[in-house]
Protein backbone atom coordinates (compact mmCIF):
# COMPACT_ATOMS: atom_id res chain seq x y z
CA UNK A 1 157.76 111.53 153.88
CA UNK A 2 155.42 114.55 153.71
CA UNK A 3 158.05 116.33 151.62
CA UNK A 4 157.96 113.53 149.00
CA UNK A 5 154.14 113.72 148.72
CA UNK A 6 154.25 117.49 148.17
CA UNK A 7 156.95 117.13 145.48
CA UNK A 8 154.94 114.37 143.76
CA UNK A 9 151.83 116.59 143.64
CA UNK A 10 153.77 119.51 142.18
CA UNK A 11 155.55 117.50 139.47
CA UNK A 12 152.71 115.24 138.24
CA UNK A 13 151.63 116.56 134.84
CA UNK A 14 147.91 117.32 134.37
CA UNK A 15 145.87 114.93 132.21
CA UNK A 16 145.61 115.89 128.54
CA UNK A 17 142.63 118.03 127.57
CA UNK A 18 140.12 116.09 125.46
CA UNK A 19 136.69 116.92 124.12
CA UNK A 20 135.11 115.12 127.08
CA UNK A 21 136.84 116.99 129.92
CA UNK A 22 137.28 120.38 128.21
CA UNK A 23 136.11 123.25 130.41
CA UNK A 24 135.29 125.58 127.50
CA UNK A 25 132.37 124.63 125.23
CA UNK A 26 133.12 123.42 121.74
CA UNK A 27 132.46 125.86 118.92
CA UNK A 28 128.94 125.34 117.64
CA UNK A 29 127.98 126.58 114.22
CA UNK A 30 125.22 129.16 114.75
CA UNK A 31 121.88 128.24 113.21
CA UNK A 32 120.69 130.27 110.28
CA UNK A 33 117.75 132.43 111.37
CA UNK A 34 114.39 131.27 110.06
CA UNK A 35 112.77 133.74 107.68
CA UNK A 36 109.16 134.42 108.63
CA UNK A 37 106.55 136.45 106.76
CA UNK A 38 103.06 137.49 107.89
CA UNK A 39 100.27 138.52 105.55
CA UNK A 40 97.30 137.38 103.53
CA UNK A 41 96.92 134.15 101.60
CA UNK A 42 94.44 133.24 98.90
CA UNK A 43 94.09 130.23 96.64
CA UNK A 44 94.29 129.73 92.89
CA UNK A 45 91.23 129.93 90.68
CA UNK A 46 90.33 126.76 88.78
CA UNK A 47 91.15 128.44 85.45
CA UNK A 48 94.88 127.91 86.16
CA UNK A 49 94.51 124.11 86.32
CA UNK A 50 96.82 122.51 83.73
CA UNK A 51 98.71 125.72 82.91
CA UNK A 52 102.48 126.05 83.18
CA UNK A 53 103.89 127.68 86.34
CA UNK A 54 106.93 129.98 86.54
CA UNK A 55 109.31 127.06 87.14
CA UNK A 56 107.91 125.04 84.22
CA UNK A 57 105.74 122.57 86.15
CA UNK A 58 102.13 122.00 85.17
CA UNK A 59 99.84 123.49 87.84
CA UNK A 60 97.62 121.00 89.66
CA UNK A 61 95.04 122.01 92.29
CA UNK A 62 95.58 118.64 94.01
CA UNK A 63 99.28 119.26 94.81
CA UNK A 64 100.69 121.10 97.82
CA UNK A 65 102.13 124.12 96.00
CA UNK A 66 101.94 127.90 96.12
CA UNK A 67 102.97 131.10 94.39
CA UNK A 68 105.13 133.72 96.10
CA UNK A 69 107.00 136.80 94.87
CA UNK A 70 109.40 137.13 97.81
CA UNK A 71 111.11 133.73 98.00
CA UNK A 72 113.00 131.73 95.34
CA UNK A 73 111.22 129.09 93.27
CA UNK A 74 111.68 125.58 94.66
CA UNK A 75 111.69 126.72 98.30
CA UNK A 76 109.62 124.71 100.77
CA UNK A 77 107.62 126.76 103.28
CA UNK A 78 105.34 126.04 106.20
CA UNK A 79 102.16 128.10 105.94
CA UNK A 80 100.10 128.48 109.14
CA UNK A 81 96.54 129.81 109.18
CA UNK A 82 96.53 132.34 112.04
CA UNK A 83 92.75 132.05 112.47
CA UNK A 84 92.72 128.35 113.37
CA UNK A 85 96.36 127.27 113.83
CA UNK A 86 96.33 124.71 111.00
CA UNK A 87 99.48 124.45 108.91
CA UNK A 88 100.67 122.92 105.65
CA UNK A 89 104.05 122.45 104.01
CA UNK A 90 104.06 123.60 100.39
CA UNK A 91 106.57 124.15 97.58
CA UNK A 92 106.87 127.51 95.83
CA UNK A 93 106.60 126.87 92.10
CA UNK A 94 104.99 130.03 90.73
CA UNK A 95 104.82 133.81 91.02
CA UNK A 96 101.90 136.07 91.95
CA UNK A 97 100.78 139.02 89.85
CA UNK A 98 102.84 142.04 91.02
CA UNK A 99 99.77 144.08 91.92
CA UNK A 100 98.38 141.39 94.21
CA UNK A 101 99.10 142.20 97.86
CA UNK A 102 99.29 138.61 99.11
CA UNK A 103 102.19 136.78 100.70
CA UNK A 104 101.23 133.46 99.08
CA UNK A 105 98.64 132.11 96.66
CA UNK A 106 97.99 128.46 97.52
CA UNK A 107 96.67 125.49 95.56
CA UNK A 108 93.16 124.42 96.50
CA UNK A 109 94.50 121.29 98.26
CA UNK A 110 96.68 123.44 100.54
CA UNK A 111 93.80 125.86 101.15
CA UNK A 112 91.57 122.93 102.15
CA UNK A 113 94.23 121.69 104.57
CA UNK A 114 94.38 125.18 106.12
CA UNK A 115 90.55 125.22 106.15
CA UNK A 116 89.89 128.59 104.50
CA UNK A 117 88.34 127.68 101.14
CA UNK A 118 84.93 129.07 102.14
CA UNK A 119 86.49 132.39 103.24
CA UNK A 120 88.70 132.83 100.18
CA UNK A 121 91.39 134.76 102.05
CA UNK A 122 93.01 134.32 105.45
CA UNK A 123 95.85 135.72 107.55
CA UNK A 124 98.91 133.47 107.52
CA UNK A 125 102.40 133.03 108.84
CA UNK A 126 104.94 131.73 106.28
CA UNK A 127 108.13 130.09 107.61
CA UNK A 128 110.95 129.11 105.25
CA UNK A 129 111.99 125.46 105.55
CA UNK A 130 114.57 125.44 102.76
CA UNK A 131 115.24 123.94 99.34
CA UNK A 132 114.62 120.39 100.60
CA UNK A 133 111.45 119.24 102.30
CA UNK A 134 112.42 118.24 105.86
CA UNK A 135 109.12 117.05 107.30
């Protein structure tokens, strides 16, 4: 009788491997690293109100937009004021003058949200969200 039990254990096939009982982890697509920039931010002067931006939109101080020379037009970024921790999500729709040493130039609405209008310039962290606004 013991001999039959041993033979049965040896000859019983193992259960098929499925995604639920697999011992090795499934292949996960690695996340794309987030691009982050640190530097100075300023905000647009009122004289640009109503003018055309680099991507053809009409500039409006009351929209959440910015100018940037490093990233493509149409990219959404999260800009964080490093002095107070406030952040805003803005769309890049313009370019900055090449001699200007700023990371971004924000609309007045975005600057108010980051609370630096009275200072004029602030240190910021810029994180790329992507071509579509996710938040």
